[in-house]
Amino acid sequence: MADGAPNVASESDIKPNEIQRFGTLTNVPIGLNDNARTQSVAALNQILVDTMALRDLYKKHHWQVSGVTFYQLHLLLDKHYDEQAALVDTLAERIMSLGGLSYATAHDVVAHTQLKAPPTGREDVATQIARLLDAHRIILATCRQAARDAADAGDDGTNDLIVGALIRLHEMQVWFLAEHQAATPLLAKDR
């Protein structure tokens, strides 16, 4: 190449050698029928891509937060990012344990998330918090429906994961964020 960069195009022409097609199930003897597993894998994959989008939104706002509550929010947003990152792994592993395939890359998130992409630029704190709360609202609605569907299908493991790990964590994070919207003056002179 003219700019001195190596030509790596030939090395990136790797031919796929899939051992399982996306949307199929492997035979995993966990006592659930294929319909229940297929339904749970689809629901969990939706929650997974939305969780990946939310995780990244937390990191964006962690880096770009500003204002008088910078320090507190900077730490809180990073804590929530870490918690969402742990959920990503837990969700993907549940999908795989059901014999399915989890979404795994950024282009999967872009193609399948229900969350609206934020602008590339920096937003004010109120907008950042509103955007995070809206993402949680969408994910919680999806989780609640998926938990009911999993319970109806006899998939107690998926139901337990969604209720015990996801819904409880999302509700806690919503509480922590929503408290930043309280109409409480920062200074005593403004009370």
N, C-alpha and C. Protein backbone atom coordinates (compact mmCIF):
# COMPACT_ATOMS: atom_id res chain seq x y z
N MET A 1 0.84 -1.18 0.00
CA MET A 1 0.00 0.00 0.00
C MET A 1 0.88 1.24 0.00
N ALA A 2 0.36 2.31 -0.55
CA ALA A 2 1.14 3.53 -0.70
C ALA A 2 1.50 4.18 0.63
N ASP A 3 0.64 4.08 1.63
CA ASP A 3 0.91 4.74 2.91
C ASP A 3 1.80 3.91 3.84
N GLY A 4 2.27 2.78 3.38
CA GLY A 4 3.15 1.94 4.17
C GLY A 4 2.44 0.93 5.04
N ALA A 5 1.13 0.97 5.08
CA ALA A 5 0.38 0.00 5.88
C ALA A 5 0.37 -1.34 5.17
N PRO A 6 0.49 -2.42 5.90
CA PRO A 6 0.49 -3.73 5.26
C PRO A 6 -0.87 -4.05 4.65
N ASN A 7 -0.87 -4.82 3.59
CA ASN A 7 -2.10 -5.26 2.97
C ASN A 7 -2.54 -6.55 3.66
N VAL A 8 -3.58 -6.45 4.46
CA VAL A 8 -4.05 -7.62 5.21
C VAL A 8 -5.33 -8.20 4.63
N ALA A 9 -5.75 -7.72 3.48
CA ALA A 9 -7.01 -8.19 2.90
C ALA A 9 -7.00 -9.70 2.69
N SER A 10 -5.88 -10.24 2.22
CA SER A 10 -5.86 -11.67 1.96
C SER A 10 -5.99 -12.48 3.25
N GLU A 11 -5.49 -11.96 4.34
CA GLU A 11 -5.60 -12.66 5.62
C GLU A 11 -7.01 -12.59 6.19
N SER A 12 -7.81 -11.60 5.79
CA SER A 12 -9.16 -11.48 6.33
C SER A 12 -10.19 -12.22 5.47
N ASP A 13 -9.76 -12.89 4.43
CA ASP A 13 -10.66 -13.69 3.60
C ASP A 13 -10.82 -15.09 4.18
N ILE A 14 -11.20 -15.16 5.42
CA ILE A 14 -11.37 -16.45 6.08
C ILE A 14 -12.75 -17.00 5.73
N LYS A 15 -12.77 -18.20 5.26
CA LYS A 15 -14.04 -18.84 4.90
C LYS A 15 -14.70 -19.37 6.15
N PRO A 16 -16.02 -19.13 6.28
CA PRO A 16 -16.72 -19.63 7.46
C PRO A 16 -16.71 -21.16 7.51
N ASN A 17 -16.57 -21.67 8.69
CA ASN A 17 -16.65 -23.12 8.91
C ASN A 17 -17.57 -23.34 10.11
N GLU A 18 -18.85 -23.01 9.93
CA GLU A 18 -19.82 -23.09 11.01
C GLU A 18 -20.05 -24.54 11.42
N ILE A 19 -20.11 -24.74 12.73
CA ILE A 19 -20.45 -26.07 13.23
C ILE A 19 -21.88 -26.12 13.75
N GLN A 20 -22.52 -24.96 13.85
CA GLN A 20 -23.95 -24.87 14.18
C GLN A 20 -24.48 -23.61 13.54
N ARG A 21 -25.55 -23.73 12.80
CA ARG A 21 -26.18 -22.57 12.17
C ARG A 21 -26.97 -21.80 13.19
N PHE A 22 -26.95 -20.47 13.07
CA PHE A 22 -27.74 -19.64 13.96
C PHE A 22 -29.21 -19.97 13.78
N GLY A 23 -29.94 -20.03 14.89
CA GLY A 23 -31.36 -20.35 14.85
C GLY A 23 -31.66 -21.82 14.99
N THR A 24 -30.61 -22.64 15.13
CA THR A 24 -30.81 -24.07 15.34
C THR A 24 -30.45 -24.42 16.78
N LEU A 25 -30.86 -25.60 17.18
CA LEU A 25 -30.57 -26.09 18.53
C LEU A 25 -29.71 -27.35 18.45
N THR A 26 -28.78 -27.46 19.38
CA THR A 26 -28.10 -28.73 19.56
C THR A 26 -28.92 -29.55 20.55
N ASN A 27 -28.73 -30.84 20.55
CA ASN A 27 -29.48 -31.71 21.45
C ASN A 27 -28.82 -31.68 22.83
N VAL A 28 -29.47 -30.99 23.75
CA VAL A 28 -28.98 -30.88 25.11
C VAL A 28 -30.01 -31.56 26.02
N PRO A 29 -29.62 -32.60 26.74
CA PRO A 29 -30.59 -33.35 27.55
C PRO A 29 -30.91 -32.67 28.88
N ILE A 30 -31.69 -31.58 28.81
CA ILE A 30 -32.04 -30.86 30.04
C ILE A 30 -33.52 -30.96 30.38
N GLY A 31 -34.24 -31.84 29.70
CA GLY A 31 -35.63 -32.08 30.04
C GLY A 31 -36.61 -31.03 29.52
N LEU A 32 -36.20 -30.25 28.54
CA LEU A 32 -37.10 -29.28 27.92
C LEU A 32 -37.29 -29.64 26.46
N ASN A 33 -38.52 -29.50 25.96
CA ASN A 33 -38.75 -29.80 24.56
C ASN A 33 -38.17 -28.70 23.67
N ASP A 34 -38.07 -29.01 22.40
CA ASP A 34 -37.46 -28.07 21.45
C ASP A 34 -38.23 -26.75 21.36
N ASN A 35 -39.55 -26.81 21.44
CA ASN A 35 -40.34 -25.58 21.36
C ASN A 35 -40.03 -24.65 22.53
N ALA A 36 -39.95 -25.19 23.72
CA ALA A 36 -39.64 -24.38 24.89
C ALA A 36 -38.24 -23.78 24.78
N ARG A 37 -37.30 -24.61 24.34
CA ARG A 37 -35.92 -24.11 24.21
C ARG A 37 -35.82 -23.05 23.11
N THR A 38 -36.48 -23.28 22.00
CA THR A 38 -36.44 -22.30 20.90
C THR A 38 -37.03 -20.97 21.34
N GLN A 39 -38.16 -21.04 22.03
CA GLN A 39 -38.82 -19.83 22.52
C GLN A 39 -37.92 -19.08 23.50
N SER A 40 -37.31 -19.79 24.43
CA SER A 40 -36.44 -19.13 25.41
C SER A 40 -35.19 -18.56 24.77
N VAL A 41 -34.60 -19.29 23.83
CA VAL A 41 -33.40 -18.79 23.14
C VAL A 41 -33.73 -17.49 22.42
N ALA A 42 -34.85 -17.43 21.72
CA ALA A 42 -35.23 -16.21 21.00
C ALA A 42 -35.43 -15.04 21.96
N ALA A 43 -36.15 -15.28 23.04
CA ALA A 43 -36.40 -14.21 24.02
C ALA A 43 -35.10 -13.76 24.68
N LEU A 44 -34.26 -14.72 25.06
CA LEU A 44 -33.00 -14.37 25.71
C LEU A 44 -32.05 -13.64 24.75
N ASN A 45 -32.08 -14.00 23.48
CA ASN A 45 -31.24 -13.29 22.51
C ASN A 45 -31.68 -11.84 22.37
N GLN A 46 -32.99 -11.60 22.40
CA GLN A 46 -33.47 -10.21 22.35
C GLN A 46 -33.00 -9.44 23.58
N ILE A 47 -33.15 -10.06 24.74
CA ILE A 47 -32.69 -9.42 25.97
C ILE A 47 -31.18 -9.22 25.94
N LEU A 48 -30.46 -10.18 25.37
CA LEU A 48 -29.01 -10.09 25.28
C LEU A 48 -28.57 -8.88 24.45
N VAL A 49 -29.11 -8.72 23.25
CA VAL A 49 -28.66 -7.59 22.42
C VAL A 49 -29.07 -6.26 23.05
N ASP A 50 -30.23 -6.22 23.69
CA ASP A 50 -30.62 -4.99 24.37
C ASP A 50 -29.72 -4.72 25.57
N THR A 51 -29.32 -5.76 26.27
CA THR A 51 -28.41 -5.60 27.40
C THR A 51 -27.03 -5.14 26.93
N MET A 52 -26.57 -5.67 25.81
CA MET A 52 -25.29 -5.23 25.26
C MET A 52 -25.36 -3.75 24.87
N ALA A 53 -26.48 -3.34 24.29
CA ALA A 53 -26.65 -1.92 23.92
C ALA A 53 -26.68 -1.05 25.17
N LEU A 54 -27.40 -1.49 26.20
CA LEU A 54 -27.47 -0.73 27.44
C LEU A 54 -26.11 -0.67 28.13
N ARG A 55 -25.41 -1.78 28.15
CA ARG A 55 -24.06 -1.80 28.74
C ARG A 55 -23.19 -0.73 28.09
N ASP A 56 -23.21 -0.68 26.77
CA ASP A 56 -22.38 0.29 26.05
C ASP A 56 -22.86 1.72 26.25
N LEU A 57 -24.17 1.89 26.41
CA LEU A 57 -24.72 3.22 26.69
C LEU A 57 -24.24 3.70 28.06
N TYR A 58 -24.18 2.80 29.03
CA TYR A 58 -23.64 3.17 30.34
C TYR A 58 -22.19 3.62 30.22
N LYS A 59 -21.38 2.93 29.44
CA LYS A 59 -19.98 3.31 29.32
C LYS A 59 -19.85 4.65 28.60
N LYS A 60 -20.65 4.87 27.56
CA LYS A 60 -20.63 6.16 26.86
C LYS A 60 -20.91 7.28 27.84
N HIS A 61 -21.99 7.15 28.63
CA HIS A 61 -22.36 8.20 29.57
C HIS A 61 -21.35 8.31 30.70
N HIS A 62 -20.75 7.22 31.11
CA HIS A 62 -19.67 7.25 32.12
C HIS A 62 -18.53 8.14 31.63
N TRP A 63 -18.14 7.98 30.37
CA TRP A 63 -17.05 8.78 29.83
C TRP A 63 -17.46 10.23 29.59
N GLN A 64 -18.71 10.46 29.22
CA GLN A 64 -19.11 11.78 28.74
C GLN A 64 -19.92 12.59 29.75
N VAL A 65 -20.19 12.06 30.94
CA VAL A 65 -20.97 12.79 31.93
C VAL A 65 -20.22 14.07 32.34
N SER A 66 -20.99 15.11 32.68
CA SER A 66 -20.37 16.37 33.11
C SER A 66 -21.32 17.05 34.09
N GLY A 67 -20.84 18.09 34.73
CA GLY A 67 -21.69 18.87 35.62
C GLY A 67 -21.36 18.68 37.08
N VAL A 68 -22.21 19.25 37.93
CA VAL A 68 -21.92 19.27 39.37
C VAL A 68 -21.96 17.90 40.02
N THR A 69 -22.65 16.95 39.41
CA THR A 69 -22.71 15.59 39.96
C THR A 69 -21.78 14.65 39.20
N PHE A 70 -20.80 15.22 38.52
CA PHE A 70 -19.90 14.41 37.68
C PHE A 70 -19.32 13.22 38.43
N TYR A 71 -18.70 13.46 39.55
CA TYR A 71 -17.97 12.39 40.24
C TYR A 71 -18.90 11.25 40.64
N GLN A 72 -20.03 11.59 41.27
CA GLN A 72 -20.97 10.57 41.72
C GLN A 72 -21.53 9.77 40.54
N LEU A 73 -21.93 10.48 39.49
CA LEU A 73 -22.49 9.78 38.33
C LEU A 73 -21.42 9.00 37.58
N HIS A 74 -20.23 9.54 37.49
CA HIS A 74 -19.13 8.84 36.83
C HIS A 74 -18.93 7.46 37.47
N LEU A 75 -18.93 7.41 38.78
CA LEU A 75 -18.76 6.15 39.51
C LEU A 75 -19.99 5.26 39.37
N LEU A 76 -21.18 5.83 39.51
CA LEU A 76 -22.41 5.05 39.44
C LEU A 76 -22.57 4.42 38.05
N LEU A 77 -22.35 5.20 37.01
CA LEU A 77 -22.51 4.69 35.65
C LEU A 77 -21.52 3.56 35.36
N ASP A 78 -20.32 3.66 35.90
CA ASP A 78 -19.34 2.59 35.70
C ASP A 78 -19.75 1.33 36.47
N LYS A 79 -20.30 1.51 37.67
CA LYS A 79 -20.81 0.36 38.43
C LYS A 79 -21.92 -0.33 37.66
N HIS A 80 -22.86 0.43 37.13
CA HIS A 80 -23.96 -0.14 36.37
C HIS A 80 -23.44 -0.82 35.09
N TYR A 81 -22.43 -0.23 34.47
CA TYR A 81 -21.81 -0.86 33.29
C TYR A 81 -21.28 -2.25 33.66
N ASP A 82 -20.54 -2.33 34.76
CA ASP A 82 -19.98 -3.62 35.19
C ASP A 82 -21.09 -4.65 35.44
N GLU A 83 -22.17 -4.22 36.06
CA GLU A 83 -23.28 -5.13 36.33
C GLU A 83 -23.95 -5.60 35.04
N GLN A 84 -24.10 -4.70 34.09
CA GLN A 84 -24.69 -5.09 32.80
C GLN A 84 -23.75 -6.02 32.03
N ALA A 85 -22.44 -5.78 32.12
CA ALA A 85 -21.47 -6.66 31.46
C ALA A 85 -21.56 -8.08 32.01
N ALA A 86 -21.75 -8.20 33.31
CA ALA A 86 -21.91 -9.53 33.91
C ALA A 86 -23.19 -10.21 33.40
N LEU A 87 -24.26 -9.42 33.23
CA LEU A 87 -25.50 -9.99 32.69
C LEU A 87 -25.31 -10.50 31.27
N VAL A 88 -24.52 -9.80 30.48
CA VAL A 88 -24.27 -10.23 29.10
C VAL A 88 -23.72 -11.65 29.09
N ASP A 89 -22.74 -11.91 29.91
CA ASP A 89 -22.13 -13.24 29.96
C ASP A 89 -23.14 -14.28 30.46
N THR A 90 -23.88 -13.94 31.49
CA THR A 90 -24.87 -14.86 32.05
C THR A 90 -25.95 -15.21 31.02
N LEU A 91 -26.42 -14.20 30.29
CA LEU A 91 -27.44 -14.44 29.26
C LEU A 91 -26.91 -15.32 28.15
N ALA A 92 -25.72 -15.01 27.66
CA ALA A 92 -25.14 -15.79 26.56
C ALA A 92 -24.93 -17.24 26.98
N GLU A 93 -24.47 -17.45 28.20
CA GLU A 93 -24.25 -18.81 28.67
C GLU A 93 -25.57 -19.57 28.84
N ARG A 94 -26.63 -18.90 29.26
CA ARG A 94 -27.94 -19.57 29.36
C ARG A 94 -28.42 -19.98 27.97
N ILE A 95 -28.26 -19.10 27.00
CA ILE A 95 -28.66 -19.41 25.63
C ILE A 95 -27.91 -20.64 25.13
N MET A 96 -26.61 -20.66 25.36
CA MET A 96 -25.79 -21.79 24.91
C MET A 96 -26.19 -23.07 25.66
N SER A 97 -26.51 -22.97 26.95
CA SER A 97 -26.88 -24.15 27.73
C SER A 97 -28.23 -24.73 27.29
N LEU A 98 -29.04 -23.91 26.62
CA LEU A 98 -30.30 -24.39 26.06
C LEU A 98 -30.09 -25.04 24.69
N GLY A 99 -28.85 -25.03 24.21
CA GLY A 99 -28.54 -25.60 22.91
C GLY A 99 -28.63 -24.61 21.77
N GLY A 100 -28.89 -23.35 22.08
CA GLY A 100 -28.98 -22.32 21.06
C GLY A 100 -27.65 -21.63 20.83
N LEU A 101 -27.69 -20.62 20.00
CA LEU A 101 -26.53 -19.77 19.76
C LEU A 101 -26.87 -18.35 20.15
N SER A 102 -25.97 -17.73 20.88
CA SER A 102 -26.20 -16.36 21.32
C SER A 102 -25.66 -15.38 20.28
N TYR A 103 -26.34 -14.25 20.19
CA TYR A 103 -25.75 -13.14 19.46
C TYR A 103 -24.44 -12.80 20.16
N ALA A 104 -23.46 -12.29 19.40
CA ALA A 104 -22.16 -12.13 20.03
C ALA A 104 -21.37 -10.90 19.60
N THR A 105 -21.82 -10.19 18.59
CA THR A 105 -20.99 -9.10 18.07
C THR A 105 -21.77 -7.79 17.98
N ALA A 106 -21.01 -6.71 17.78
CA ALA A 106 -21.62 -5.38 17.68
C ALA A 106 -22.63 -5.30 16.54
N HIS A 107 -22.33 -5.95 15.41
CA HIS A 107 -23.31 -5.86 14.31
C HIS A 107 -24.60 -6.60 14.65
N ASP A 108 -24.54 -7.61 15.51
CA ASP A 108 -25.77 -8.26 15.98
C ASP A 108 -26.61 -7.27 16.79
N VAL A 109 -25.94 -6.51 17.64
CA VAL A 109 -26.64 -5.53 18.48
C VAL A 109 -27.31 -4.48 17.59
N VAL A 110 -26.56 -3.92 16.66
CA VAL A 110 -27.11 -2.89 15.78
C VAL A 110 -28.31 -3.42 15.00
N ALA A 111 -28.21 -4.65 14.54
CA ALA A 111 -29.27 -5.21 13.71
C ALA A 111 -30.52 -5.60 14.50
N HIS A 112 -30.39 -5.89 15.80
CA HIS A 112 -31.51 -6.51 16.51
C HIS A 112 -31.99 -5.78 17.78
N THR A 113 -31.27 -4.79 18.27
CA THR A 113 -31.71 -4.15 19.51
C THR A 113 -32.98 -3.35 19.31
N GLN A 114 -33.77 -3.28 20.37
CA GLN A 114 -34.96 -2.44 20.39
C GLN A 114 -34.64 -1.01 20.83
N LEU A 115 -33.44 -0.80 21.36
CA LEU A 115 -33.07 0.50 21.91
C LEU A 115 -32.63 1.44 20.80
N LYS A 116 -33.02 2.70 20.93
CA LYS A 116 -32.61 3.70 19.96
C LYS A 116 -31.15 4.08 20.20
N ALA A 117 -30.41 4.24 19.14
CA ALA A 117 -29.01 4.63 19.26
C ALA A 117 -28.91 6.09 19.70
N PRO A 118 -28.01 6.38 20.63
CA PRO A 118 -27.82 7.76 21.04
C PRO A 118 -26.98 8.50 19.99
N PRO A 119 -26.99 9.83 20.05
CA PRO A 119 -26.09 10.56 19.15
C PRO A 119 -24.64 10.31 19.57
N THR A 120 -23.73 10.53 18.67
CA THR A 120 -22.32 10.33 18.97
C THR A 120 -21.82 11.40 19.95
N GLY A 121 -22.40 12.59 19.89
CA GLY A 121 -21.97 13.69 20.74
C GLY A 121 -22.37 13.51 22.19
N ARG A 122 -21.92 14.44 23.01
CA ARG A 122 -22.18 14.43 24.45
C ARG A 122 -23.54 15.06 24.73
N GLU A 123 -24.30 14.41 25.61
CA GLU A 123 -25.60 14.92 26.01
C GLU A 123 -25.53 15.42 27.45
N ASP A 124 -26.49 16.28 27.83
CA ASP A 124 -26.54 16.75 29.21
C ASP A 124 -26.99 15.61 30.12
N VAL A 125 -26.75 15.77 31.40
CA VAL A 125 -27.01 14.71 32.38
C VAL A 125 -28.48 14.30 32.38
N ALA A 126 -29.39 15.25 32.33
CA ALA A 126 -30.82 14.91 32.35
C ALA A 126 -31.19 14.02 31.17
N THR A 127 -30.65 14.31 30.02
CA THR A 127 -30.94 13.50 28.83
C THR A 127 -30.29 12.13 28.94
N GLN A 128 -29.06 12.09 29.46
CA GLN A 128 -28.39 10.80 29.65
C GLN A 128 -29.23 9.90 30.57
N ILE A 129 -29.67 10.44 31.67
CA ILE A 129 -30.46 9.65 32.62
C ILE A 129 -31.79 9.23 32.00
N ALA A 130 -32.45 10.14 31.31
CA ALA A 130 -33.72 9.80 30.66
C ALA A 130 -33.51 8.69 29.63
N ARG A 131 -32.43 8.76 28.89
CA ARG A 131 -32.14 7.73 27.88
C ARG A 131 -31.90 6.37 28.55
N LEU A 132 -31.15 6.35 29.65
CA LEU A 132 -30.89 5.11 30.37
C LEU A 132 -32.19 4.54 30.96
N LEU A 133 -33.02 5.40 31.54
CA LEU A 133 -34.28 4.94 32.12
C LEU A 133 -35.20 4.37 31.04
N ASP A 134 -35.22 4.97 29.87
CA ASP A 134 -36.04 4.45 28.79
C ASP A 134 -35.55 3.08 28.34
N ALA A 135 -34.24 2.91 28.27
CA ALA A 135 -33.67 1.61 27.90
C ALA A 135 -34.06 0.54 28.93
N HIS A 136 -33.97 0.88 30.20
CA HIS A 136 -34.38 -0.06 31.25
C HIS A 136 -35.86 -0.41 31.12
N ARG A 137 -36.70 0.59 30.82
CA ARG A 137 -38.14 0.35 30.67
C ARG A 137 -38.40 -0.67 29.57
N ILE A 138 -37.73 -0.51 28.45
CA ILE A 138 -37.91 -1.43 27.33
C ILE A 138 -37.44 -2.83 27.70
N ILE A 139 -36.28 -2.93 28.32
CA ILE A 139 -35.74 -4.24 28.69
C ILE A 139 -36.61 -4.90 29.76
N LEU A 140 -37.07 -4.13 30.73
CA LEU A 140 -37.92 -4.71 31.77
C LEU A 140 -39.23 -5.26 31.18
N ALA A 141 -39.82 -4.55 30.24
CA ALA A 141 -41.04 -5.05 29.61
C ALA A 141 -40.77 -6.36 28.87
N THR A 142 -39.66 -6.43 28.17
CA THR A 142 -39.28 -7.65 27.46
C THR A 142 -39.01 -8.78 28.46
N CYS A 143 -38.32 -8.47 29.55
CA CYS A 143 -38.01 -9.48 30.57
C CYS A 143 -39.28 -10.03 31.20
N ARG A 144 -40.21 -9.17 31.53
CA ARG A 144 -41.44 -9.64 32.18
C ARG A 144 -42.22 -10.58 31.28
N GLN A 145 -42.32 -10.24 29.99
CA GLN A 145 -43.02 -11.12 29.06
C GLN A 145 -42.26 -12.43 28.89
N ALA A 146 -40.95 -12.36 28.76
CA ALA A 146 -40.14 -13.57 28.59
C ALA A 146 -40.22 -14.47 29.81
N ALA A 147 -40.27 -13.89 31.01
CA ALA A 147 -40.39 -14.68 32.23
C ALA A 147 -41.72 -15.43 32.26
N ARG A 148 -42.80 -14.74 31.90
CA ARG A 148 -44.11 -15.39 31.86
C ARG A 148 -44.13 -16.52 30.82
N ASP A 149 -43.56 -16.25 29.64
CA ASP A 149 -43.54 -17.26 28.58
C ASP A 149 -42.70 -18.47 28.98
N ALA A 150 -41.56 -18.22 29.63
CA ALA A 150 -40.71 -19.32 30.06
C ALA A 150 -41.43 -20.17 31.12
N ALA A 151 -42.10 -19.51 32.05
CA ALA A 151 -42.85 -20.24 33.08
C ALA A 151 -43.95 -21.09 32.45
N ASP A 152 -44.66 -20.51 31.49
CA ASP A 152 -45.74 -21.25 30.81
C ASP A 152 -45.20 -22.46 30.05
N ALA A 153 -43.97 -22.35 29.54
CA ALA A 153 -43.36 -23.44 28.77
C ALA A 153 -42.65 -24.46 29.66
N GLY A 154 -42.61 -24.22 30.97
CA GLY A 154 -41.93 -25.13 31.88
C GLY A 154 -40.44 -24.91 31.98
N ASP A 155 -39.94 -23.79 31.44
CA ASP A 155 -38.51 -23.49 31.49
C ASP A 155 -38.21 -22.69 32.76
N ASP A 156 -38.13 -23.43 33.86
CA ASP A 156 -37.92 -22.80 35.16
C ASP A 156 -36.56 -22.12 35.26
N GLY A 157 -35.54 -22.68 34.62
CA GLY A 157 -34.21 -22.09 34.67
C GLY A 157 -34.17 -20.70 34.05
N THR A 158 -34.80 -20.56 32.88
CA THR A 158 -34.84 -19.25 32.22
C THR A 158 -35.70 -18.29 33.01
N ASN A 159 -36.84 -18.74 33.51
CA ASN A 159 -37.70 -17.90 34.32
C ASN A 159 -36.95 -17.40 35.55
N ASP A 160 -36.24 -18.29 36.23
CA ASP A 160 -35.48 -17.92 37.43
C ASP A 160 -34.40 -16.90 37.10
N LEU A 161 -33.70 -17.10 36.01
CA LEU A 161 -32.65 -16.16 35.60
C LEU A 161 -33.25 -14.78 35.35
N ILE A 162 -34.34 -14.75 34.60
CA ILE A 162 -34.92 -13.45 34.25
C ILE A 162 -35.45 -12.73 35.49
N VAL A 163 -36.18 -13.44 36.33
CA VAL A 163 -36.75 -12.80 37.52
C VAL A 163 -35.67 -12.53 38.55
N GLY A 164 -34.86 -13.53 38.85
CA GLY A 164 -33.90 -13.42 39.94
C GLY A 164 -32.70 -12.54 39.66
N ALA A 165 -32.25 -12.52 38.43
CA ALA A 165 -31.06 -11.73 38.10
C ALA A 165 -31.39 -10.46 37.33
N LEU A 166 -32.14 -10.60 36.26
CA LEU A 166 -32.34 -9.45 35.38
C LEU A 166 -33.32 -8.43 35.93
N ILE A 167 -34.53 -8.86 36.22
CA ILE A 167 -35.55 -7.90 36.65
C ILE A 167 -35.11 -7.21 37.94
N ARG A 168 -34.59 -7.96 38.87
CA ARG A 168 -34.18 -7.34 40.15
C ARG A 168 -33.06 -6.33 39.95
N LEU A 169 -32.08 -6.66 39.10
CA LEU A 169 -30.99 -5.72 38.86
C LEU A 169 -31.49 -4.48 38.12
N HIS A 170 -32.29 -4.68 37.09
CA HIS A 170 -32.79 -3.52 36.34
C HIS A 170 -33.62 -2.60 37.23
N GLU A 171 -34.46 -3.17 38.07
CA GLU A 171 -35.26 -2.33 38.96
C GLU A 171 -34.39 -1.54 39.93
N MET A 172 -33.33 -2.16 40.43
CA MET A 172 -32.42 -1.46 41.33
C MET A 172 -31.70 -0.33 40.60
N GLN A 173 -31.24 -0.60 39.38
CA GLN A 173 -30.56 0.44 38.62
C GLN A 173 -31.52 1.59 38.27
N VAL A 174 -32.76 1.26 37.95
CA VAL A 174 -33.77 2.30 37.68
C VAL A 174 -33.93 3.19 38.92
N TRP A 175 -34.03 2.59 40.07
CA TRP A 175 -34.18 3.36 41.30
C TRP A 175 -33.02 4.34 41.48
N PHE A 176 -31.80 3.84 41.32
CA PHE A 176 -30.62 4.69 41.50
C PHE A 176 -30.60 5.84 40.49
N LEU A 177 -31.01 5.57 39.27
CA LEU A 177 -31.04 6.63 38.25
C LEU A 177 -32.19 7.60 38.48
N ALA A 178 -33.37 7.06 38.77
CA ALA A 178 -34.55 7.91 38.92
C ALA A 178 -34.40 8.90 40.07
N GLU A 179 -33.67 8.53 41.09
CA GLU A 179 -33.45 9.44 42.21
C GLU A 179 -32.68 10.69 41.79
N HIS A 180 -31.95 10.61 40.68
CA HIS A 180 -31.23 11.78 40.17
C HIS A 180 -32.17 12.75 39.45
N GLN A 181 -33.40 12.33 39.23
CA GLN A 181 -34.39 13.21 38.61
C GLN A 181 -35.24 13.95 39.63
N ALA A 182 -35.02 13.66 40.91
CA ALA A 182 -35.81 14.32 41.96
C ALA A 182 -35.58 15.82 41.91
N ALA A 183 -36.63 16.57 42.13
CA ALA A 183 -36.55 18.03 42.10
C ALA A 183 -36.05 18.55 43.44
N THR A 184 -34.79 18.25 43.73
CA THR A 184 -34.16 18.64 44.97
C THR A 184 -33.02 19.61 44.67
N PRO A 185 -33.08 20.82 45.20
CA PRO A 185 -31.99 21.76 44.93
C PRO A 185 -30.67 21.26 45.49
N LEU A 186 -29.59 21.55 44.79
CA LEU A 186 -28.27 21.13 45.24
C LEU A 186 -27.75 22.00 46.38
N LEU A 187 -28.13 23.26 46.40
CA LEU A 187 -27.61 24.19 47.40
C LEU A 187 -28.71 24.58 48.38
N ALA A 188 -28.33 24.76 49.67
CA ALA A 188 -29.28 25.12 50.70
C ALA A 188 -29.95 26.46 50.39
N LYS A 189 -29.20 27.39 49.81
CA LYS A 189 -29.75 28.72 49.49
C LYS A 189 -30.87 28.65 48.46
N ASP A 190 -30.94 27.55 47.69
CA ASP A 190 -31.96 27.41 46.65
C ASP A 190 -33.22 26.70 47.15
N ARG A 191 -33.24 26.34 48.44
CA ARG A 191 -34.40 25.62 48.99
C ARG A 191 -35.50 26.56 49.37
